[in-house]
């Protein structure tokens, strides 16, 4: 039977969902991925969850100013 790593799996799933729907799930994916990496041993799913979480957060902070500027300009 395969060794299950629930924190790593959850981090990966939240990182993927965060890319498309809720960006704040990226923060949770980073935290769970780091905990899973420490407790369950280094594995690809935990690292992928951390990376996807970082991409979620960085993309939002790069795109958010442009959205706010466009909303501000449309109010004029």
Protein backbone atom coordinates (compact mmCIF):
# COMPACT_ATOMS: atom_id res chain seq x y z
CA UNK A 1 0.00 0.00 0.00
CA UNK A 2 1.29 3.44 -0.90
CA UNK A 3 2.33 5.79 1.87
CA UNK A 4 -0.24 8.58 2.04
CA UNK A 5 0.92 12.13 2.66
CA UNK A 6 -2.25 14.10 3.35
CA UNK A 7 -0.72 17.52 4.03
CA UNK A 8 1.27 17.39 0.80
CA UNK A 9 -1.76 16.28 -1.20
CA UNK A 10 -3.94 19.04 0.28
CA UNK A 11 -1.22 21.63 -0.40
CA UNK A 12 -1.01 20.55 -4.03
CA UNK A 13 -4.78 20.62 -4.51
CA UNK A 14 -5.13 24.05 -2.88
CA UNK A 15 -2.27 25.39 -5.00
CA UNK A 16 -4.00 24.23 -8.18
CA UNK A 17 -7.40 25.57 -7.14
CA UNK A 18 -5.80 28.84 -6.07
CA UNK A 19 -4.45 29.40 -9.57
CA UNK A 20 -7.92 29.49 -11.05
CA UNK A 21 -10.44 30.48 -8.40
CA UNK A 22 -9.39 31.71 -4.96
CA UNK A 23 -5.92 33.26 -4.75
CA UNK A 24 -5.89 33.20 -0.94
CA UNK A 25 -5.78 29.43 -1.07
CA UNK A 26 -2.20 29.93 -2.24
CA UNK A 27 -1.25 31.17 1.22
CA UNK A 28 -2.76 28.07 2.81
CA UNK A 29 -0.99 25.88 0.23
CA UNK A 30 2.35 27.46 1.15
CA UNK A 31 1.80 26.82 4.86
CA UNK A 32 0.53 23.25 4.45
CA UNK A 33 3.26 22.46 1.94
CA UNK A 34 5.94 23.66 4.34
CA UNK A 35 4.45 21.67 7.23
CA UNK A 36 4.04 18.61 5.02
CA UNK A 37 7.60 18.96 3.79
CA UNK A 38 8.91 19.08 7.35
CA UNK A 39 6.73 16.33 8.87
CA UNK A 40 6.28 13.92 5.99
CA UNK A 41 9.71 14.21 4.45
CA UNK A 42 10.65 15.99 1.28
CA UNK A 43 8.42 15.00 -1.59
CA UNK A 44 7.32 16.44 -4.88
CA UNK A 45 3.71 17.13 -3.93
CA UNK A 46 4.66 19.33 -0.97
CA UNK A 47 7.18 21.26 -3.04
CA UNK A 48 4.68 21.65 -5.89
CA UNK A 49 2.08 22.95 -3.42
CA UNK A 50 4.56 25.52 -2.11
CA UNK A 51 5.56 26.63 -5.61
CA UNK A 52 1.96 26.90 -6.83
CA UNK A 53 1.03 28.84 -3.69
CA UNK A 54 3.86 31.29 -4.30
CA UNK A 55 2.80 31.69 -7.93
CA UNK A 56 -0.80 32.36 -6.78
CA UNK A 57 0.24 35.11 -4.39
CA UNK A 58 2.79 36.73 -6.72
CA UNK A 59 0.37 36.80 -9.66
CA UNK A 60 -2.31 38.46 -7.58
CA UNK A 61 0.05 41.15 -6.31
CA UNK A 62 1.27 41.81 -9.85
CA UNK A 63 -2.22 41.95 -11.37
CA UNK A 64 -4.08 43.66 -8.53
CA UNK A 65 -2.66 47.18 -9.11
CA UNK A 66 -3.71 47.09 -12.77
CA UNK A 67 -7.23 46.02 -11.84
CA UNK A 68 -7.48 48.80 -9.26
CA UNK A 69 -6.19 51.37 -11.76
CA UNK A 70 -8.73 50.25 -14.36
CA UNK A 71 -11.54 50.40 -11.81
CA UNK A 72 -10.39 53.85 -10.74
CA UNK A 73 -10.25 55.10 -14.31
CA UNK A 74 -13.70 53.73 -15.09
CA UNK A 75 -15.16 55.71 -12.17
CA UNK A 76 -14.10 59.01 -13.75
